Protein backbone atom coordinates (compact mmCIF):
# COMPACT_ATOMS: atom_id res chain seq x y z
CA UNK A 1 69.36 108.52 89.81
CA UNK A 2 69.34 109.54 86.20
CA UNK A 3 72.74 107.73 85.09
CA UNK A 4 72.57 109.25 81.70
CA UNK A 5 72.65 112.95 83.21
CA UNK A 6 75.34 111.94 85.52
CA UNK A 7 77.49 110.69 82.73
CA UNK A 8 76.91 113.81 80.60
CA UNK A 9 77.64 116.06 83.66
CA UNK A 10 81.24 113.71 84.02
CA UNK A 11 81.88 114.43 80.09
CA UNK A 12 81.24 118.19 80.89
CA UNK A 13 83.87 117.76 83.92
CA UNK A 14 86.74 116.06 81.68
CA UNK A 15 86.41 118.91 79.48
CA UNK A 16 86.43 121.70 81.98
CA UNK A 17 86.73 120.80 85.52
CA UNK A 18 85.13 123.70 86.45
CA UNK A 19 82.02 122.79 84.80
CA UNK A 20 80.08 119.71 85.25
CA UNK A 21 80.83 117.07 88.19
CA UNK A 22 83.32 114.23 88.27
CA UNK A 23 81.48 110.80 88.36
CA UNK A 24 81.20 109.60 91.87
CA UNK A 25 79.58 106.10 91.84
CA UNK A 26 80.97 104.74 94.89
CA UNK A 27 78.81 102.41 96.89
CA UNK A 28 76.15 102.73 94.39
CA UNK A 29 74.21 99.47 92.81
CA UNK A 30 74.65 99.14 89.38
CA UNK A 31 74.10 95.39 88.94
CA UNK A 32 73.63 94.57 85.20
CA UNK A 33 73.97 97.95 84.31
CA UNK A 34 74.35 98.69 80.43
CA UNK A 35 77.16 100.95 80.23
CA UNK A 36 78.65 99.92 76.70
CA UNK A 37 80.98 102.53 75.27
CA UNK A 38 80.43 104.88 78.42
CA UNK A 39 83.09 107.47 78.86
CA UNK A 40 84.17 106.92 82.63
CA UNK A 41 87.65 108.44 82.61
CA UNK A 42 88.90 109.32 85.92
CA UNK A 43 85.51 108.26 87.70
CA UNK A 44 85.33 107.34 91.32
CA UNK A 45 83.95 104.07 91.26
CA UNK A 46 85.37 102.88 94.90
CA UNK A 47 83.31 100.01 95.92
CA UNK A 48 80.75 100.17 93.36
CA UNK A 49 78.61 96.78 92.79
CA UNK A 50 79.03 96.41 89.12
CA UNK A 51 78.18 92.44 89.03
CA UNK A 52 77.33 91.52 85.55
CA UNK A 53 77.25 94.96 84.42
CA UNK A 54 78.16 95.18 80.42
CA UNK A 55 81.26 97.64 80.20
CA UNK A 56 82.19 96.45 76.55
CA UNK A 57 84.41 99.15 75.05
CA UNK A 58 83.95 101.23 78.19
CA UNK A 59 86.70 104.32 79.01
CA UNK A 60 87.83 103.58 82.01
CA UNK A 61 91.06 105.18 81.85
CA UNK A 62 92.50 106.30 85.39
CA UNK A 63 89.27 105.51 86.88
CA UNK A 64 89.30 104.45 90.48
CA UNK A 65 87.71 100.76 91.06
CA UNK A 66 89.16 100.21 94.38
CA UNK A 67 87.29 97.32 95.93
CA UNK A 68 84.45 97.15 93.19
CA UNK A 69 82.62 94.22 92.98
CA UNK A 70 82.79 93.33 89.25
CA UNK A 71 81.95 89.58 89.41
CA UNK A 72 80.89 88.44 85.88
CA UNK A 73 81.45 91.93 84.35
CA UNK A 74 81.82 92.31 80.83
CA UNK A 75 84.75 94.43 80.28
CA UNK A 76 85.64 93.28 76.66
CA UNK A 77 87.85 95.86 74.60
CA UNK A 78 87.58 98.01 77.75
CA UNK A 79 90.18 100.95 78.20
CA UNK A 80 91.49 100.34 81.94
CA UNK A 81 94.81 101.99 81.35
CA UNK A 82 96.26 103.40 84.75
CA UNK A 83 92.94 102.36 86.41
CA UNK A 84 93.08 101.44 90.30
CA UNK A 85 91.72 97.90 90.49
CA UNK A 86 93.25 97.46 94.04
CA UNK A 87 91.24 94.57 95.93
CA UNK A 88 88.75 94.54 93.14
CA UNK A 89 86.87 91.31 92.73
CA UNK A 90 86.66 90.39 88.81
CA UNK A 91 85.95 86.61 89.42
CA UNK A 92 84.95 85.25 86.23
CA UNK A 93 85.01 88.72 84.72
CA UNK A 94 85.44 89.23 80.66
CA UNK A 95 88.80 91.35 80.11
CA UNK A 96 89.40 89.88 76.58
CA UNK A 97 91.29 92.32 74.38
CA UNK A 98 91.30 94.69 77.38
CA UNK A 99 93.80 97.60 77.78
CA UNK A 100 95.15 97.49 81.42
CA UNK A 101 98.64 98.90 80.53
CA UNK A 102 99.99 100.42 84.04
CA UNK A 103 97.02 99.64 86.04
CA UNK A 104 96.91 98.58 89.59
CA UNK A 105 95.47 95.31 90.17
CA UNK A 106 97.17 94.76 93.84
CA UNK A 107 95.28 92.06 95.57
CA UNK A 108 92.85 91.75 93.04
CA UNK A 109 90.80 88.71 92.74
CA UNK A 110 90.83 87.14 89.33
CA UNK A 111 89.90 83.72 89.51
CA UNK A 112 88.61 82.32 86.21
CA UNK A 113 88.85 85.83 84.49
CA UNK A 114 89.36 85.86 80.81
CA UNK A 115 92.27 88.08 80.12
CA UNK A 116 93.20 86.55 76.58
CA UNK A 117 94.54 88.90 74.49
CA UNK A 118 94.59 91.62 77.37
CA UNK A 119 97.24 94.43 77.38
CA UNK A 120 98.82 94.35 80.90
CA UNK A 121 102.49 95.74 79.98
CA UNK A 122 103.53 97.37 83.32
CA UNK A 123 100.70 96.46 85.50
CA UNK A 124 100.99 95.66 89.17
CA UNK A 125 99.62 92.26 89.81
CA UNK A 126 101.34 92.06 93.27
CA UNK A 127 99.57 89.26 95.39
CA UNK A 128 96.63 89.15 92.71
CA UNK A 129 94.68 85.95 92.58
CA UNK A 130 94.77 84.60 89.17
CA UNK A 131 94.06 80.97 89.80
CA UNK A 132 92.41 79.40 86.62
CA UNK A 133 92.62 82.48 84.51
CA UNK A 134 92.65 82.58 80.79
CA UNK A 135 95.88 84.69 79.79
CA UNK A 136 96.22 83.07 76.63
CA UNK A 137 97.91 85.84 74.16
CA UNK A 138 97.88 88.63 76.82
CA UNK A 139 101.09 90.70 76.91
CA UNK A 140 102.77 91.11 80.50
CA UNK A 141 105.67 92.71 79.50
CA UNK A 142 107.44 94.32 82.48
CA UNK A 143 104.52 93.60 84.81
CA UNK A 144 105.07 92.87 88.51
CA UNK A 145 103.82 89.45 89.45
CA UNK A 146 105.41 89.47 93.27
CA UNK A 147 103.32 86.84 94.90
CA UNK A 148 100.82 86.27 92.42
CA UNK A 149 99.06 82.97 92.42
CA UNK A 150 98.96 81.68 88.97
CA UNK A 151 98.21 78.10 89.48
CA UNK A 152 95.93 76.60 86.88
CA UNK A 153 96.13 79.70 84.63
CA UNK A 154 96.46 79.23 80.82
CA UNK A 155 99.55 81.33 79.82
CA UNK A 156 99.78 79.98 76.45
CA UNK A 157 101.37 82.30 74.18
CA UNK A 158 101.45 84.93 76.82
CA UNK A 159 104.41 87.43 76.64
CA UNK A 160 106.45 87.33 79.89
CA UNK A 161 109.48 89.48 78.76
CA UNK A 162 110.85 91.02 81.72
CA UNK A 163 108.31 90.29 84.16
CA UNK A 164 109.54 89.92 87.83
CA UNK A 165 108.25 87.27 90.47
CA UNK A 166 109.18 87.17 94.12
CA UNK A 167 107.62 84.16 95.51
CA UNK A 168 108.55 83.47 99.01
CA UNK A 169 112.11 83.16 99.38
CA UNK A 170 112.81 83.10 95.69
CA UNK A 171 112.95 85.65 93.26
CA UNK A 172 112.43 85.09 89.31
CA UNK A 173 112.67 86.72 86.12
CA UNK A 174 111.47 85.77 82.55
CA UNK A 175 113.80 87.20 80.14
CA UNK A 176 115.27 86.07 76.49
CA UNK A 177 112.67 83.26 77.05
CA UNK A 178 114.27 82.08 79.94
CA UNK A 179 112.75 81.80 83.38
CA UNK A 180 115.75 82.47 86.25
CA UNK A 181 115.08 81.72 89.57
CA UNK A 182 117.35 82.32 92.70
CA UNK A 183 117.18 82.83 96.28
CA UNK A 184 116.71 86.51 97.24
CA UNK A 185 120.39 87.72 98.61
CA UNK A 186 118.49 89.06 101.62
CA UNK A 187 117.28 85.68 102.64
CA UNK A 188 120.83 83.64 102.00
CA UNK A 189 122.02 82.83 105.52
């Protein structure tokens, strides 16, 4: 497999979908691959093994990373706007300064992940596992944190404006610097 040729074909596909080929690396072994600055916009990376890969400054806008294995992957300053990371394993990954605006991280595993200064505005983190994650300075404005596990996470200087939480029978919203918790109406007997 010539990854350079596949990337070139993908760029041609992005410019004109009648030319080139959409990059499809599902089920492909890319452990420790050097993909710095790679243009992977809209790429199909479902089930890809990217453990330990270097995706620093990579462009992954709208990419499908469903069920991808990204343990220890370096995604520093990567553009993941609108990417699908459903059930992705990002254990210990580096997403410092990454743009995850509008990304889908439903059921994603982010234990110990570094999301320092990451842009997670409008991201869906429903049922995500963020235990011991570093979210210092991250922007989670309008993010969905329903049933998200944040135990032990560093939330120092994190922007939680208009973040909605649903935890068991409780509903919470962080607005105007105040965390408001109440019983969900449907659960009152």
